[in-house]
């Protein structure tokens, strides 16, 4: 199941990518998830940032935070890039303006991740 969700992160349809990224936060605790996700962790992080760049969705950022929490020991080599990406995402979400509640929530979630 996790493999199928990972494949959907690259689906051509943005709504499918968003739902896959949100679903992964719940599947991460299942048996065997670590074995499947650890080898693709750098790619997984890249996919999340690509999706975050396309849409300001706090649930996507919250799912990223679950990944960071779960794989904290393995995130260290990616920490500088991770903080840079989260900072850029935060800045982009803030630039949208006060009228977009989703972007405001996503910006707050970026700070939580950092």
Foldseek 3Di string as FASTA:
>chain_A
DLVVLVVQLPDPDLVSVQVSLLVVLVVCPDPPNCVVQLVCVVVVLVSLLVSLVVDQAQSSLVSVLSVCVVPVVSCVVVVVVLLVSLVVSLVVLPVVDDVDPSSVNSNVSSVVSD
